[in-house]
Protein backbone atom coordinates (compact mmCIF):
# COMPACT_ATOMS: atom_id res chain seq x y z
CA MET A 1 1.82 -24.48 8.92
CA ASP A 2 4.50 -26.82 9.04
CA ARG A 3 6.99 -26.63 6.56
CA ARG A 4 6.14 -30.43 4.30
CA SER A 5 3.28 -27.89 4.02
CA PHE A 6 4.31 -24.82 3.30
CA LEU A 7 6.10 -26.84 0.40
CA ILE A 8 3.44 -28.06 -0.70
CA ALA A 9 0.97 -25.33 -1.02
CA ALA A 10 3.95 -23.01 -2.52
CA ALA A 11 4.50 -25.93 -5.19
CA SER A 12 0.86 -26.23 -6.16
CA ALA A 13 -0.59 -23.68 -8.50
CA PRO A 14 -4.15 -24.05 -9.08
CA LEU A 15 -5.16 -22.84 -13.23
CA ALA A 16 -8.34 -21.93 -11.89
CA LEU A 17 -6.32 -19.02 -9.22
CA ARG A 18 -5.76 -16.71 -12.29
CA ALA A 19 -9.52 -16.69 -12.86
CA LEU A 20 -10.28 -15.27 -9.54
CA PRO A 21 -10.06 -12.49 -8.02
CA THR A 22 -7.10 -12.50 -5.82
CA ALA A 23 -5.48 -10.48 -3.22
CA LEU A 24 -1.85 -11.07 -2.42
CA VAL A 25 -1.01 -10.68 1.40
CA THR A 26 2.12 -10.14 3.33
CA ALA A 27 3.14 -12.52 6.05
CA ASP A 28 5.85 -10.35 7.49
CA THR A 29 7.13 -13.19 10.27
CA GLU A 30 7.00 -15.80 7.59
CA ALA A 31 8.90 -14.89 4.72
CA HIS A 32 5.97 -15.46 1.99
CA VAL A 33 3.57 -13.76 0.55
CA ALA A 34 -0.44 -15.82 0.73
CA ALA A 35 -2.92 -15.43 -2.56
CA VAL A 36 -6.52 -14.91 -1.08
CA ASP A 37 -9.55 -15.56 -3.32
CA LEU A 38 -11.55 -12.37 -2.56
CA LEU A 39 -14.63 -14.30 -3.48
CA THR A 40 -14.27 -17.27 -0.66
CA GLY A 41 -11.63 -15.82 1.58
CA VAL A 42 -9.76 -19.11 1.46
CA VAL A 43 -5.56 -19.02 0.91
CA ARG A 44 -5.40 -20.71 -2.54
CA ARG A 45 -1.35 -20.53 -2.55
CA ARG A 46 2.14 -19.20 -0.48
CA ILE A 47 4.85 -18.14 -2.37
CA PRO A 48 8.08 -17.96 -0.39
CA THR A 49 9.79 -14.38 -0.47
CA ARG A 50 13.11 -13.11 1.14
CA PRO A 51 12.50 -12.26 5.23
CA GLY A 52 9.92 -9.57 6.32
CA PRO A 53 7.99 -8.75 3.50
CA ARG A 54 6.47 -6.12 4.20
CA SER A 55 4.81 -3.82 1.75
CA ILE A 56 3.28 -4.94 -1.16
CA GLU A 57 1.61 -3.16 -4.54
CA ARG A 58 0.46 -3.78 -8.27
CA VAL A 59 2.43 -2.21 -10.61
CA GLY A 60 0.96 -3.14 -13.83
CA ALA A 61 0.70 -7.64 -14.46
CA SER A 62 3.45 -7.78 -11.73
CA VAL A 63 3.57 -6.79 -7.82
CA VAL A 64 6.42 -4.95 -6.22
CA VAL A 65 7.38 -6.30 -2.32
CA ALA A 66 9.43 -4.32 0.24
CA HIS A 67 11.64 -6.41 2.27
CA THR A 68 12.44 -3.34 4.65
CA ALA A 69 14.45 -5.22 7.20
CA VAL A 70 17.09 -6.96 4.86
CA GLY A 71 16.93 -3.77 2.39
CA ALA A 72 15.48 -5.74 -0.81
CA VAL A 73 12.87 -5.64 -3.35
CA THR A 74 10.71 -8.46 -4.56
CA ILE A 75 9.04 -8.65 -8.06
CA VAL A 76 6.33 -11.61 -8.31
CA HIS A 77 4.76 -12.37 -11.75
CA ALA A 78 1.90 -15.05 -12.53
CA PHE A 79 2.21 -16.06 -8.43
CA GLY A 80 6.14 -16.44 -8.82
CA VAL A 81 8.98 -14.66 -7.77
CA GLN A 82 10.47 -12.85 -11.20
CA HIS A 83 13.32 -10.54 -9.40
CA VAL A 84 14.70 -9.86 -6.50
CA LEU A 85 16.56 -6.24 -6.07
CA GLU A 86 19.12 -5.75 -3.96
CA GLY A 87 21.26 -2.55 -2.87
CA PHE A 88 18.06 -0.77 -1.09
CA ALA A 89 18.62 0.28 2.53
CA GLU A 90 15.01 0.07 3.76
CA PRO A 91 12.69 0.08 1.11
CA ARG A 92 9.18 0.96 2.12
CA TYR A 93 6.36 1.82 0.09
CA THR A 94 5.29 1.65 -3.71
CA ALA A 95 3.47 3.58 -6.21
CA ALA A 96 3.29 2.37 -10.04
CA THR A 97 3.21 4.73 -12.83
CA ARG A 98 0.19 4.57 -15.19
CA GLY A 99 1.33 1.93 -18.15
CA GLY A 100 2.58 -0.20 -15.34
CA ARG A 101 6.32 -0.47 -16.65
CA TYR A 102 8.06 1.64 -13.79
CA ALA A 103 7.62 1.81 -9.53
CA PHE A 104 8.57 4.44 -7.51
CA VAL A 105 10.17 2.74 -4.16
CA THR A 106 10.50 5.03 -1.24
CA ASP A 107 13.83 3.85 0.94
CA SER A 108 13.78 5.56 4.16
CA GLY A 109 17.47 3.85 5.05
CA ASP A 110 19.24 6.48 2.49
CA ALA A 111 16.49 9.19 2.08
CA THR A 112 16.02 8.03 -1.58
CA LEU A 113 13.52 7.47 -4.10
CA ALA A 114 14.24 4.84 -6.25
CA THR A 115 12.68 4.23 -9.86
CA VAL A 116 12.39 0.50 -10.79
CA ASP A 117 12.18 -0.48 -14.43
CA VAL A 118 9.89 -3.65 -13.25
CA PRO A 119 9.42 -5.65 -16.37
CA ARG A 120 13.56 -5.61 -16.72
CA GLY A 121 14.06 -5.74 -12.95
CA GLU A 122 16.61 -2.71 -12.45
CA ILE A 123 16.62 0.34 -10.44
CA VAL A 124 17.05 3.14 -13.34
CA ALA A 125 17.25 5.96 -11.23
CA ARG A 126 17.46 7.74 -7.80
CA LEU A 127 16.56 10.74 -6.32
CA LYS A 128 17.57 12.01 -3.43
CA LEU A 129 15.45 13.44 -1.21
CA ARG A 130 15.68 14.06 3.12
CA LEU A 131 14.27 12.94 6.64
CA TRP A 132 12.71 9.44 6.20
CA PRO A 133 10.25 8.82 2.94
CA ARG A 134 7.92 6.88 3.60
CA HIS A 135 3.93 6.55 2.40
CA LEU A 136 3.58 8.41 -1.26
CA SER A 137 0.88 8.85 -3.84
CA LEU A 138 0.51 9.97 -7.66
CA SER A 139 -1.24 12.65 -9.02
CA ARG A 140 -4.25 11.50 -11.19
CA ASP A 141 -2.09 12.74 -14.31
CA GLY A 142 0.15 10.81 -13.74
CA THR A 143 2.76 13.74 -13.52
CA THR A 144 3.78 14.36 -9.52
CA LEU A 145 4.45 11.78 -6.71
CA TRP A 146 3.58 13.92 -3.34
CA VAL A 147 6.19 11.72 -0.38
CA ALA A 148 5.63 12.00 3.12
CA LEU A 149 8.97 11.89 5.05
CA GLY A 150 8.42 10.13 7.62
CA THR A 151 5.96 8.59 10.25
CA ALA A 152 4.85 12.02 11.20
CA SER A 153 6.15 14.09 8.87
CA PRO A 154 6.44 17.78 8.91
CA GLU A 155 6.22 18.05 4.89
CA LEU A 156 5.44 16.52 2.04
CA VAL A 157 7.70 16.86 -0.74
CA VAL A 158 6.36 17.10 -4.30
CA VAL A 159 8.28 15.28 -7.09
CA ASP A 160 8.23 15.51 -10.71
CA VAL A 161 8.26 12.07 -12.51
CA THR A 162 6.82 13.03 -15.94
CA GLU A 163 9.95 10.97 -17.29
CA PRO A 164 10.41 8.72 -14.65
CA ARG A 165 13.93 8.13 -15.24
CA ARG A 166 14.74 11.65 -14.58
CA PRO A 167 12.67 12.28 -11.38
CA PHE A 168 13.04 16.10 -9.81
CA VAL A 169 11.83 18.21 -6.45
CA ARG A 170 9.13 20.41 -8.12
CA GLY A 171 8.28 21.60 -4.46
CA ARG A 172 7.16 20.98 -1.24
CA VAL A 173 4.43 20.82 0.84
CA ARG A 174 3.49 22.07 4.67
CA PRO A 175 0.39 20.33 6.04
CA PRO A 176 -1.32 21.97 9.57
CA ILE A 177 -0.80 18.15 10.81
CA PRO A 178 2.43 16.07 11.14
CA ALA A 179 1.33 13.51 7.88
CA HIS A 180 1.87 9.91 7.89
CA ASP A 181 -0.13 8.46 4.88
CA VAL A 182 -1.12 10.54 1.47
CA GLY A 183 -3.41 9.94 -0.89
CA PHE A 184 -4.93 11.49 -4.84
CA SER A 185 -8.41 10.78 -4.68
CA PRO A 186 -10.10 9.87 -8.51
CA SER A 187 -11.57 13.26 -8.14
CA GLY A 188 -8.06 15.03 -7.97
CA ARG A 189 -8.34 15.54 -4.20
CA VAL A 190 -6.01 14.79 -1.92
CA TRP A 191 -6.23 13.40 1.11
CA VAL A 192 -3.32 13.42 4.08
CA THR A 193 -3.66 11.21 7.49
CA ALA A 194 -1.94 12.05 10.88
CA GLY A 195 1.35 10.45 12.17
CA ASP A 196 0.68 11.60 16.09
CA ALA A 197 -3.01 13.38 15.83
CA ARG A 198 -7.15 12.00 15.56
CA THR A 199 -6.92 14.73 12.34
CA ILE A 200 -7.20 14.09 8.30
CA VAL A 201 -6.74 16.92 5.78
CA VAL A 202 -8.23 16.94 2.97
CA TYR A 203 -6.88 19.55 -0.53
CA ASP A 204 -9.33 20.58 -3.15
CA GLY A 205 -7.77 22.86 -5.37
CA THR A 206 -6.54 26.04 -2.83
CA ALA A 207 -9.21 25.65 -0.14
CA THR A 208 -8.01 22.65 2.70
CA ARG A 209 -10.33 21.16 5.30
CA THR A 210 -9.57 19.42 8.12
CA LEU A 211 -11.97 16.50 9.78
CA PRO A 212 -11.91 14.12 13.10
CA ALA A 213 -10.60 10.96 12.59
CA ASP A 214 -9.48 7.82 14.66
CA ALA A 215 -6.44 7.16 16.37
CA ALA A 216 -3.07 7.88 14.67
CA PRO A 217 -1.22 6.79 12.48
CA GLN A 218 -4.43 6.90 9.61
CA HIS A 219 -3.99 5.00 6.25
CA VAL A 220 -6.31 6.19 3.04
CA THR A 221 -7.64 4.31 0.21
CA PHE A 222 -10.62 5.04 -2.38
CA LEU A 223 -13.32 3.38 -3.92
CA ARG A 224 -16.83 4.30 -5.93
CA GLY A 225 -17.09 7.92 -4.81
CA ARG A 226 -15.81 7.18 -1.31
CA ALA A 227 -12.78 7.47 1.09
CA PHE A 228 -11.62 4.76 3.33
CA VAL A 229 -9.79 5.76 6.05
CA THR A 230 -8.28 3.10 8.73
CA SER A 231 -7.07 3.31 12.59
CA GLY A 232 -5.17 -0.15 13.26
CA ASP A 233 -4.62 1.14 16.86
CA ASP A 234 -8.21 2.00 17.33
CA GLY A 235 -9.48 -0.90 15.28
CA THR A 236 -11.34 0.87 12.66
CA LEU A 237 -12.35 1.83 9.27
CA ARG A 238 -14.37 5.16 8.47
CA VAL A 239 -16.10 5.64 5.25
CA TYR A 240 -16.57 9.04 3.67
CA ASP A 241 -18.60 10.68 0.91
CA GLU A 242 -15.17 12.12 -0.76
CA PRO A 243 -16.72 14.72 -2.71
CA THR A 244 -18.32 16.19 0.62
CA ALA A 245 -15.79 15.06 2.64
CA ARG A 246 -18.62 13.71 4.97
CA LEU A 247 -18.98 9.99 7.51
CA LEU A 248 -21.10 8.10 6.47
CA HIS A 249 -20.75 5.25 9.17
CA THR A 250 -17.68 3.89 10.74
CA THR A 251 -17.13 -0.20 10.68
CA ARG A 252 -15.36 -2.53 13.50
CA VAL A 253 -11.93 -4.04 12.20
CA PRO A 254 -9.48 -6.07 13.65
CA VAL A 255 -6.73 -3.57 15.71
CA GLY A 256 -3.48 -3.64 13.68
CA SER A 257 -5.54 -3.19 10.45
CA TYR A 258 -3.59 -0.08 9.32
CA ASN A 259 -2.79 -0.35 5.55
CA VAL A 260 -5.42 -0.56 3.44
CA GLN A 261 -5.98 -0.80 -0.01
CA TYR A 262 -8.73 -1.34 -2.88
CA ALA A 263 -8.80 -4.04 -5.72
CA ALA A 264 -11.44 -5.48 -7.60
CA GLY A 265 -14.56 -3.57 -6.63
CA ARG A 266 -13.54 -4.48 -2.49
CA VAL A 267 -11.46 -2.94 0.00
CA LEU A 268 -8.33 -4.64 1.98
CA THR A 269 -7.16 -4.15 5.03
CA PRO A 270 -4.80 -6.49 6.62
CA SER A 271 -3.66 -6.93 10.77
CA LEU A 272 -0.16 -6.40 11.89
CA VAL A 273 -1.59 -8.12 15.30
CA ARG A 274 -3.93 -10.61 14.05
CA GLY A 275 -2.63 -11.63 10.84
CA THR A 276 -6.36 -11.30 9.15
CA LEU A 277 -6.91 -10.21 6.15
CA CYS A 278 -10.43 -8.10 5.98
CA VAL A 279 -12.66 -7.59 2.72
CA LEU A 280 -15.31 -5.28 2.66
CA ASP A 281 -17.13 -4.01 0.21
CA ALA A 282 -18.35 -0.46 -1.46
CA SER A 283 -20.29 0.55 1.30
CA GLY A 284 -17.83 -0.28 3.86
CA ARG A 285 -19.26 -3.39 4.96
CA VAL A 286 -17.06 -6.55 5.89
CA ARG A 287 -17.60 -9.72 3.49
CA GLU A 288 -14.88 -11.72 4.11
CA GLN A 289 -12.34 -12.11 7.28
CA THR A 290 -9.65 -14.62 6.77
CA ARG A 291 -6.45 -15.51 9.23
CA VAL A 292 -3.76 -15.15 7.18
CA ALA A 293 -0.89 -15.39 8.77
CA ALA A 294 0.80 -14.62 12.15
CA SER A 295 0.88 -10.83 10.96
CA SER A 296 0.17 -9.01 7.86
CA HIS A 297 1.41 -5.86 7.03
CA ASP A 298 -0.30 -5.15 3.62
CA ALA A 299 -2.25 -6.21 0.75
CA CYS A 300 -3.13 -5.75 -3.05
CA LEU A 301 -4.97 -7.46 -6.39
CA ALA A 302 -3.01 -10.22 -7.60
CA GLY A 303 -0.79 -9.35 -10.80
CA GLY A 304 -1.78 -11.26 -13.82
């Protein structure tokens, strides 16, 4: 896309955009976030941001974008940039409180977890961890975070976030695999994917199950009683029956489709290699595949 076309697209905000189920997708190498209609796969708008938008997460009516290379976090609201927060070293990934006011952002550059007041655009707390915190997931009751400490983490740190402005370390979990991603399913089970092994671990109360998987690193999300696990290196998305952890089938997706999120009854997986966004239904069938940018790291449902 040339600069003139980019500016025209960024400036135009169709009123219908707000009424459509829309995904926001990071364009890592092009310093913008694309708004993609989930029904048609059409890119409706491009929102200019700081360089290197990497992860993106919906938090209430807003969306939090982490720019790892430049140490900044952007808060997008109503398809426009509302706040830009400096003061990070290497912000990585975000988890939202259930009420949507606070976001927890891992910072692998200084080994901390930051609490961000999203409407105010302020960092209100920092918790020192160790190693290189990256992926994280909030428990279903909203009281604890499990945080992976690296791309192949020897342990997960459990952080009490009952009071978001006063987080503290409650304990640690040492999985039987070097952990990469972690996700709490709606049932309360915890799925941990591997950073360097073809394995997934599922924690179900006191029981632990180990499942075969495709090439690491894998990422996980959940929708309608199913778990969806991507392997970007293999270009696959595995669909599991979440309660039984039984593999239902495997879907081919573009190579480089690492991150995965659910949105508006769909599953989204963008590709770092191809710059595509795959939109799949709850059974794991590809419904739309759109080329969004040269490289797309992450996607989420647009805020209000």
